[in-house]
């Protein structure tokens, strides 16, 4: 029955010319407010992590505040560095004048120790994740510089070449000199193929269902269109027939596929789905995926596949950059359905931010109460009271923030 349905679907798809089958079928982009909000919630987190990273990458993890302030544009911080640190005082410790130095706060130092322990505890998971990326590559290898650019997306340690790769000589082989900052011409190769790892998230899901019901369903994509989103009849029929085709594993050898065939489209979506499934938050900036076009054999127009399959992916434009999200990984509230173990790092970091911000607000409230009392006493005496210095700083900072963030979005940079 399934074979006959797949054969019929393939016949219907092949009846149309390859160009008509794929490139001419257009789906309008429609905003998903819930998924957009899930990205927007992380804006402060990304700002803080970039700021902290500048200090952690400095010699001795210490950096003069005036030098850190000069890097505001590179960090893409929408407020002055001093203002941001005043709002989140638990991130970095700043020594007194005349030459204040920023260094990790006790809370941040404790977080870094926890991060090392968590990454070491999940070393087998992270090694398998990295090996899967190599197994999807057409050469079974990836440039170290490209892995380093995407390491945080996949939960890899910053020093993965030192803390992770040497622990698994059965999986990895380093070729060349990566340099001190992993920007050299080195490659990370797959030392040996592991059939146990050559199963995609979709195939593993089918295996789990087989364990429950006793019959293994045909591996396929989950299509989850948002409420109120409708496809035109022509597109609905094309998706129906396309889904009937056999699943193409991203780890399979598919060099013989015609690039414009429905099977090649199936393989493309399979690779993109698997890459997102390996990420910590099941979402990635499209330019980061684009770094691996050559190795994963993706065309330059690979991002068009996201809008062709709105029931599988959603492309958010928040922050002036395209971020693709795996729809099935999020519930109706924009929360992850299955939590990745490495997501705890982000939650701990955000907790440190919230702790400091709460202290800042309490201190600001206390100062404002004192100011109100001074004003009341001054009015009673008939004197004039100046506004609070902190209030003036806050007003200027908020204006600065609105202006800079609008500029960041207009220039189309990475999301904050």
Protein backbone atom coordinates (compact mmCIF):
# COMPACT_ATOMS: atom_id res chain seq x y z
CA UNK A 1 0.00 0.00 0.00
CA UNK A 2 2.73 2.49 1.02
CA UNK A 3 4.88 1.53 -1.96
CA UNK A 4 1.99 2.07 -4.37
CA UNK A 5 1.21 5.46 -2.79
CA UNK A 6 4.86 6.53 -3.02
CA UNK A 7 5.07 5.40 -6.64
CA UNK A 8 1.89 7.30 -7.51
CA UNK A 9 3.19 10.43 -5.78
CA UNK A 10 6.50 10.21 -7.62
CA UNK A 11 4.66 9.83 -10.92
CA UNK A 12 2.53 12.92 -10.24
CA UNK A 13 5.56 15.00 -9.25
CA UNK A 14 7.59 13.92 -12.24
CA UNK A 15 4.74 14.78 -14.56
CA UNK A 16 5.68 18.44 -13.94
CA UNK A 17 9.01 19.80 -15.17
CA UNK A 18 11.75 20.07 -12.48
CA UNK A 19 11.75 23.88 -12.59
CA UNK A 20 7.96 23.97 -12.23
CA UNK A 21 8.02 21.40 -9.44
CA UNK A 22 10.12 23.43 -7.05
CA UNK A 23 11.19 26.95 -7.93
CA UNK A 24 7.84 28.15 -9.31
CA UNK A 25 5.79 27.11 -6.28
CA UNK A 26 5.68 30.15 -4.03
CA UNK A 27 4.39 30.38 -0.46
CA UNK A 28 3.89 33.84 1.07
CA UNK A 29 5.75 34.52 4.29
CA UNK A 30 3.51 35.13 7.27
CA UNK A 31 4.59 36.41 10.65
CA UNK A 32 4.27 34.09 13.65
CA UNK A 33 4.00 36.35 16.71
CA UNK A 34 4.55 33.51 19.19
CA UNK A 35 7.81 32.30 17.66
CA UNK A 36 8.98 35.87 17.09
CA UNK A 37 8.44 36.53 20.79
CA UNK A 38 10.59 33.51 21.71
CA UNK A 39 13.49 35.15 19.87
CA UNK A 40 12.82 38.64 21.15
CA UNK A 41 12.93 37.38 24.75
CA UNK A 42 16.60 36.50 24.26
CA UNK A 43 17.67 39.97 23.14
CA UNK A 44 19.17 40.98 26.50
CA UNK A 45 20.80 37.58 26.89
CA UNK A 46 22.68 37.94 23.61
CA UNK A 47 23.74 41.47 24.47
CA UNK A 48 25.11 40.36 27.84
CA UNK A 49 26.84 37.25 26.48
CA UNK A 50 28.67 39.28 23.83
CA UNK A 51 29.77 41.81 26.45
CA UNK A 52 30.99 39.14 28.84
CA UNK A 53 32.80 37.30 26.04
CA UNK A 54 34.95 40.37 25.34
CA UNK A 55 36.25 40.23 28.91
CA UNK A 56 36.67 36.44 29.02
CA UNK A 57 38.75 36.49 25.83
CA UNK A 58 41.07 39.20 27.20
CA UNK A 59 44.44 38.30 28.80
CA UNK A 60 43.87 37.27 32.38
CA UNK A 61 40.13 37.79 31.87
CA UNK A 62 40.63 41.46 32.73
CA UNK A 63 39.93 44.45 30.50
CA UNK A 64 40.10 48.17 31.14
CA UNK A 65 36.60 49.61 31.15
CA UNK A 66 37.57 52.36 28.72
CA UNK A 67 38.72 49.74 26.20
CA UNK A 68 35.54 47.75 26.73
CA UNK A 69 33.48 50.89 26.16
CA UNK A 70 35.21 51.49 22.82
CA UNK A 71 34.01 48.07 21.66
CA UNK A 72 30.36 48.96 22.12
CA UNK A 73 29.68 49.08 18.39
CA UNK A 74 31.39 45.74 17.79
CA UNK A 75 29.41 44.19 20.63
CA UNK A 76 26.27 45.81 19.16
CA UNK A 77 25.21 47.08 22.57
CA UNK A 78 22.32 49.57 22.34
CA UNK A 79 23.34 51.46 25.50
CA UNK A 80 26.64 52.63 26.98
CA UNK A 81 28.69 49.83 28.52
CA UNK A 82 28.71 51.52 31.92
CA UNK A 83 24.92 51.85 31.80
CA UNK A 84 24.48 48.18 30.92
CA UNK A 85 26.82 47.06 33.70
CA UNK A 86 24.95 49.26 36.17
CA UNK A 87 21.70 47.55 35.21
CA UNK A 88 23.23 44.06 35.45
CA UNK A 89 25.86 44.36 38.20
CA UNK A 90 26.24 40.61 38.79
CA UNK A 91 27.86 39.96 35.39
CA UNK A 92 31.17 41.78 35.75
CA UNK A 93 33.05 43.33 38.64
CA UNK A 94 34.45 46.81 37.99
CA UNK A 95 37.34 48.09 40.07
CA UNK A 96 37.34 51.70 41.40
CA UNK A 97 38.75 54.68 39.42
CA UNK A 98 41.01 56.12 38.15
CA UNK A 99 41.45 53.16 35.76
CA UNK A 100 38.49 50.84 36.35
CA UNK A 101 39.01 47.26 35.15
CA UNK A 102 36.21 44.83 34.26
CA UNK A 103 36.62 41.21 35.33
CA UNK A 104 34.27 38.25 35.98
CA UNK A 105 32.05 38.73 39.00
CA UNK A 106 31.91 35.97 41.66
CA UNK A 107 28.55 34.89 40.22
CA UNK A 108 29.99 34.69 36.71
CA UNK A 109 33.07 32.81 37.91
CA UNK A 110 30.80 30.27 39.58
CA UNK A 111 28.78 29.99 36.38
CA UNK A 112 31.91 29.29 34.32
CA UNK A 113 32.86 26.46 36.66
CA UNK A 114 29.35 25.03 36.37
CA UNK A 115 29.52 25.29 32.55
CA UNK A 116 32.76 23.28 32.49
CA UNK A 117 31.24 20.58 34.69
CA UNK A 118 28.05 20.38 32.63
CA UNK A 119 29.93 20.14 29.33
CA UNK A 120 32.22 17.45 30.74
CA UNK A 121 29.23 15.49 32.03
CA UNK A 122 27.60 15.59 28.59
CA UNK A 123 30.80 14.97 26.65
CA UNK A 124 29.41 11.82 24.92
CA UNK A 125 26.32 13.75 23.77
CA UNK A 126 28.37 16.66 22.44
CA UNK A 127 30.84 14.31 20.74
CA UNK A 128 27.97 12.48 19.02
CA UNK A 129 26.51 15.83 17.94
CA UNK A 130 29.81 16.93 16.43
CA UNK A 131 30.31 13.55 14.76
CA UNK A 132 26.87 13.77 13.17
CA UNK A 133 27.79 17.11 11.62
CA UNK A 134 30.92 15.53 10.15
CA UNK A 135 28.93 12.54 8.89
CA UNK A 136 26.56 14.84 6.97
CA UNK A 137 29.50 16.51 5.24
CA UNK A 138 30.23 15.24 1.76
CA UNK A 139 33.94 14.92 2.66
CA UNK A 140 33.37 13.66 6.23
CA UNK A 141 35.28 16.73 7.40
CA UNK A 142 34.59 20.35 8.34
CA UNK A 143 36.88 23.41 8.59
CA UNK A 144 37.64 24.12 12.24
CA UNK A 145 36.92 27.82 11.69
CA UNK A 146 33.34 27.03 10.60
CA UNK A 147 32.74 24.75 13.58
CA UNK A 148 34.09 27.47 15.88
CA UNK A 149 31.68 30.00 14.36
CA UNK A 150 28.71 27.75 15.21
CA UNK A 151 29.97 26.07 18.40
CA UNK A 152 27.59 27.83 20.78
CA UNK A 153 24.59 27.01 18.61
CA UNK A 154 25.33 23.31 19.10
CA UNK A 155 26.35 23.63 22.73
CA UNK A 156 30.02 22.85 22.13
CA UNK A 157 32.60 24.18 24.59
CA UNK A 158 34.61 27.23 23.57
CA UNK A 159 37.75 25.06 23.81
CA UNK A 160 36.22 22.02 22.07
CA UNK A 161 39.52 21.29 20.30
CA UNK A 162 41.14 20.81 23.72
CA UNK A 163 38.38 19.59 26.02
CA UNK A 164 36.25 17.49 23.65
CA UNK A 165 38.09 16.32 20.52
CA UNK A 166 41.09 14.61 22.25
CA UNK A 167 38.72 12.59 24.45
CA UNK A 168 37.25 10.83 21.41
CA UNK A 169 40.10 9.71 19.13
CA UNK A 170 37.79 7.03 17.75
CA UNK A 171 35.60 9.75 16.22
CA UNK A 172 37.81 12.73 15.44
CA UNK A 173 41.08 13.48 13.73
CA UNK A 174 42.50 17.01 13.59
CA UNK A 175 44.42 17.90 10.42
CA UNK A 176 46.48 21.09 10.23
CA UNK A 177 47.11 23.88 12.71
CA UNK A 178 43.96 25.66 13.91
CA UNK A 179 45.93 28.48 15.50
CA UNK A 180 45.29 30.00 18.93
CA UNK A 181 41.82 31.25 18.00
CA UNK A 182 40.74 28.40 15.69
CA UNK A 183 40.99 30.68 12.65
CA UNK A 184 43.63 28.67 10.81
CA UNK A 185 43.26 26.27 7.90
CA UNK A 186 42.79 23.17 10.04
CA UNK A 187 40.09 20.57 9.39
CA UNK A 188 38.33 18.21 11.74
CA UNK A 189 37.87 14.82 10.10
CA UNK A 190 35.70 11.87 11.00
CA UNK A 191 38.06 9.12 12.16
CA UNK A 192 35.55 6.30 11.75
CA UNK A 193 31.94 5.91 10.65
CA UNK A 194 29.48 4.88 13.35
CA UNK A 195 26.24 3.36 12.09
CA UNK A 196 24.62 3.99 15.46
CA UNK A 197 25.01 7.73 14.92
CA UNK A 198 23.86 7.62 11.29
CA UNK A 199 20.21 7.97 12.25
CA UNK A 200 18.41 11.27 11.98
CA UNK A 201 16.01 12.72 14.54
CA UNK A 202 13.12 11.69 12.28
CA UNK A 203 14.34 8.09 12.05
CA UNK A 204 14.92 7.92 15.81
CA UNK A 205 11.37 9.17 16.36
CA UNK A 206 10.04 6.39 14.15
CA UNK A 207 12.09 3.86 16.18
CA UNK A 208 10.61 5.17 19.44
CA UNK A 209 7.09 4.90 18.07
CA UNK A 210 7.85 1.33 16.99
CA UNK A 211 8.87 0.48 20.55
CA UNK A 212 5.51 1.77 21.80
CA UNK A 213 3.04 0.41 19.23
CA UNK A 214 5.07 -2.52 17.88
CA UNK A 215 4.95 -1.28 14.27
CA UNK A 216 7.53 1.11 12.87
CA UNK A 217 5.86 3.99 11.00
CA UNK A 218 7.38 5.36 7.84
CA UNK A 219 9.86 8.13 8.75
CA UNK A 220 8.51 11.48 7.63
CA UNK A 221 8.40 15.15 8.49
CA UNK A 222 5.89 16.64 10.90
CA UNK A 223 3.89 19.38 9.21
CA UNK A 224 2.50 21.91 11.68
CA UNK A 225 0.91 24.89 9.98
CA UNK A 226 0.08 27.81 12.27
CA UNK A 227 -3.52 28.80 12.94
CA UNK A 228 -5.11 30.72 10.12
CA UNK A 229 -2.41 29.74 7.59
CA UNK A 230 -3.70 28.15 4.40
CA UNK A 231 -1.87 26.88 1.33
CA UNK A 232 -3.22 27.27 -2.17
CA UNK A 233 -4.62 24.11 -3.74
CA UNK A 234 -1.66 23.68 -6.07
CA UNK A 235 0.79 23.89 -3.18
CA UNK A 236 -1.28 21.58 -0.97
CA UNK A 237 -1.27 18.92 -3.66
CA UNK A 238 2.45 19.31 -4.22
CA UNK A 239 3.21 18.97 -0.49
CA UNK A 240 0.89 15.96 -0.19
CA UNK A 241 2.62 14.13 -3.04
CA UNK A 242 6.06 15.20 -1.83
CA UNK A 243 5.41 13.83 1.66
CA UNK A 244 4.39 10.50 0.13
CA UNK A 245 7.89 10.05 -1.30
CA UNK A 246 10.32 7.87 0.70
CA UNK A 247 12.33 9.68 3.36
CA UNK A 248 15.92 10.45 2.34
CA UNK A 249 18.34 10.29 5.27
CA UNK A 250 20.80 13.20 5.58
CA UNK A 251 23.50 10.59 6.22
CA UNK A 252 22.81 8.64 3.01
CA UNK A 253 24.95 8.83 -0.12
CA UNK A 254 22.84 10.89 -2.52
CA UNK A 255 25.37 12.01 -5.12
CA UNK A 256 23.25 10.53 -7.93
CA UNK A 257 20.16 12.67 -7.28
CA UNK A 258 19.17 15.28 -9.84
CA UNK A 259 19.42 18.67 -8.06
CA UNK A 260 15.92 19.68 -9.22
CA UNK A 261 14.22 16.38 -8.41
CA UNK A 262 11.66 15.90 -5.60
CA UNK A 263 14.05 13.41 -3.99
CA UNK A 264 16.78 16.07 -3.88
CA UNK A 265 14.29 18.41 -2.21
CA UNK A 266 13.54 15.64 0.29
CA UNK A 267 17.24 15.26 1.00
CA UNK A 268 17.69 19.05 1.36
CA UNK A 269 14.86 19.35 3.87
CA UNK A 270 16.22 16.30 5.68
CA UNK A 271 19.64 17.92 6.09
CA UNK A 272 18.20 21.25 7.26
CA UNK A 273 15.85 19.49 9.67
CA UNK A 274 18.70 17.43 11.12
CA UNK A 275 21.02 20.41 11.53
CA UNK A 276 18.31 22.29 13.44
CA UNK A 277 17.56 19.18 15.51
CA UNK A 278 21.21 19.08 16.59
CA UNK A 279 21.15 22.71 17.76
CA UNK A 280 20.47 23.49 21.40
CA UNK A 281 17.38 25.62 20.79
CA UNK A 282 16.27 24.00 17.52
CA UNK A 283 16.84 27.26 15.70
CA UNK A 284 19.73 28.95 13.91
CA UNK A 285 20.58 32.14 12.10
CA UNK A 286 20.36 31.42 8.38
CA UNK A 287 23.85 32.91 7.68
CA UNK A 288 25.38 30.36 10.08
CA UNK A 289 23.80 27.49 8.15
CA UNK A 290 25.04 29.15 4.97
CA UNK A 291 28.63 28.70 6.14
CA UNK A 292 28.24 24.95 5.55
CA UNK A 293 26.80 25.11 2.01
CA UNK A 294 29.83 23.47 0.38
CA UNK A 295 30.21 20.70 2.94
CA UNK A 296 26.49 19.83 3.14
CA UNK A 297 26.00 20.33 -0.62
CA UNK A 298 23.41 23.08 -0.22
CA UNK A 299 22.68 25.45 -3.07
CA UNK A 300 23.09 29.20 -2.64
CA UNK A 301 19.29 29.45 -2.65
CA UNK A 302 18.86 26.87 0.12
CA UNK A 303 17.02 29.39 2.34
CA UNK A 304 14.09 29.41 -0.11
CA UNK A 305 13.32 25.90 1.09
CA UNK A 306 12.28 27.29 4.47
CA UNK A 307 9.44 29.32 2.98
CA UNK A 308 8.43 26.47 0.65
CA UNK A 309 7.76 24.35 3.74
CA UNK A 310 6.06 26.67 6.26
CA UNK A 311 4.64 23.70 8.13
CA UNK A 312 8.15 22.45 8.96
CA UNK A 313 10.10 25.70 9.37
CA UNK A 314 9.47 29.29 10.34
CA UNK A 315 11.77 32.14 9.35
CA UNK A 316 11.80 35.00 11.82
CA UNK A 317 13.05 38.45 10.84
CA UNK A 318 13.46 39.74 14.40
CA UNK A 319 16.60 41.76 14.97
CA UNK A 320 17.24 42.37 11.28
CA UNK A 321 18.46 38.87 10.48
CA UNK A 322 16.77 35.68 9.28
CA UNK A 323 16.52 33.01 11.95
CA UNK A 324 15.00 29.65 11.02
CA UNK A 325 13.02 27.78 13.67
CA UNK A 326 11.94 24.15 13.67
CA UNK A 327 8.19 24.40 14.23
CA UNK A 328 7.67 20.96 15.75
CA UNK A 329 10.19 21.78 18.50
CA UNK A 330 8.00 24.55 19.99
CA UNK A 331 4.58 24.45 21.60
CA UNK A 332 1.74 26.95 21.22
CA UNK A 333 3.35 29.21 23.84
CA UNK A 334 6.68 29.39 22.04
CA UNK A 335 8.43 27.10 24.55
CA UNK A 336 10.68 24.19 23.65
CA UNK A 337 8.90 20.84 23.77
CA UNK A 338 12.03 18.76 24.43
CA UNK A 339 14.68 20.53 26.49
CA UNK A 340 18.26 20.04 25.39
CA UNK A 341 20.56 19.39 28.39
CA UNK A 342 22.79 22.30 27.37
CA UNK A 343 19.91 24.79 27.62
CA UNK A 344 20.63 24.92 31.35
CA UNK A 345 23.67 27.08 30.63
CA UNK A 346 21.51 29.80 29.13
CA UNK A 347 19.01 29.57 31.98
CA UNK A 348 21.75 29.89 34.60
CA UNK A 349 23.24 32.89 32.82
CA UNK A 350 19.84 34.59 32.58
CA UNK A 351 19.27 33.89 36.29
CA UNK A 352 22.50 35.77 37.08
CA UNK A 353 21.31 38.67 34.95
CA UNK A 354 17.91 38.71 36.67
CA UNK A 355 19.52 38.63 40.11
CA UNK A 356 21.63 41.68 39.34
CA UNK A 357 18.81 43.56 37.62
CA UNK A 358 16.55 42.99 40.62
CA UNK A 359 19.19 44.50 42.89
CA UNK A 360 19.56 47.43 40.52
CA UNK A 361 15.81 48.11 40.50
CA UNK A 362 15.63 47.86 44.27
CA UNK A 363 18.46 50.35 44.64
CA UNK A 364 16.84 52.66 42.09
CA UNK A 365 13.54 52.43 43.93
CA UNK A 366 15.24 53.21 47.23
CA UNK A 367 16.96 56.27 45.75
CA UNK A 368 13.73 57.50 44.21
CA UNK A 369 11.94 57.15 47.55
CA UNK A 370 14.69 59.21 49.18
CA UNK A 371 14.35 61.78 46.43
CA UNK A 372 10.58 62.03 46.96
CA UNK A 373 11.14 62.62 50.66
CA UNK A 374 13.70 65.32 49.92
CA UNK A 375 11.30 66.94 47.48
CA UNK A 376 8.47 66.87 49.99
CA UNK A 377 10.68 68.44 52.66
CA UNK A 378 11.97 71.05 50.22
CA UNK A 379 8.46 71.97 49.10
CA UNK A 380 7.48 72.32 52.73
CA UNK A 381 10.44 74.70 53.20
CA UNK A 382 9.72 76.45 49.88
CA UNK A 383 13.07 75.39 48.37
CA UNK A 384 13.76 74.05 44.87
CA UNK A 385 15.00 70.44 44.43
CA UNK A 386 17.05 69.20 41.50
CA UNK A 387 16.20 65.89 39.82
CA UNK A 388 18.04 62.73 40.76
CA UNK A 389 21.26 62.07 38.86
CA UNK A 390 20.32 58.45 38.32
CA UNK A 391 16.98 59.51 36.84
CA UNK A 392 18.69 61.75 34.32
CA UNK A 393 21.11 58.98 33.39
CA UNK A 394 18.24 56.57 32.94
CA UNK A 395 16.30 58.95 30.72
CA UNK A 396 19.29 59.53 28.49
CA UNK A 397 20.08 55.83 28.39
CA UNK A 398 16.58 54.85 27.35
CA UNK A 399 16.62 57.38 24.50
CA UNK A 400 20.03 56.10 23.49
CA UNK A 401 18.75 52.55 23.52
CA UNK A 402 15.72 53.21 21.32
CA UNK A 403 17.82 55.10 18.78
CA UNK A 404 20.62 52.55 18.59
CA UNK A 405 18.36 49.52 18.41
CA UNK A 406 16.42 51.04 15.54
CA UNK A 407 19.74 51.67 13.78
CA UNK A 408 20.85 48.07 14.34
CA UNK A 409 17.64 46.74 12.79
CA UNK A 410 17.89 49.08 9.82
CA UNK A 411 21.45 47.92 9.10
CA UNK A 412 20.37 44.27 9.13
CA UNK A 413 22.84 42.96 11.66
CA UNK A 414 22.77 39.92 13.87
CA UNK A 415 19.86 39.88 16.35
CA UNK A 416 20.56 41.28 19.80
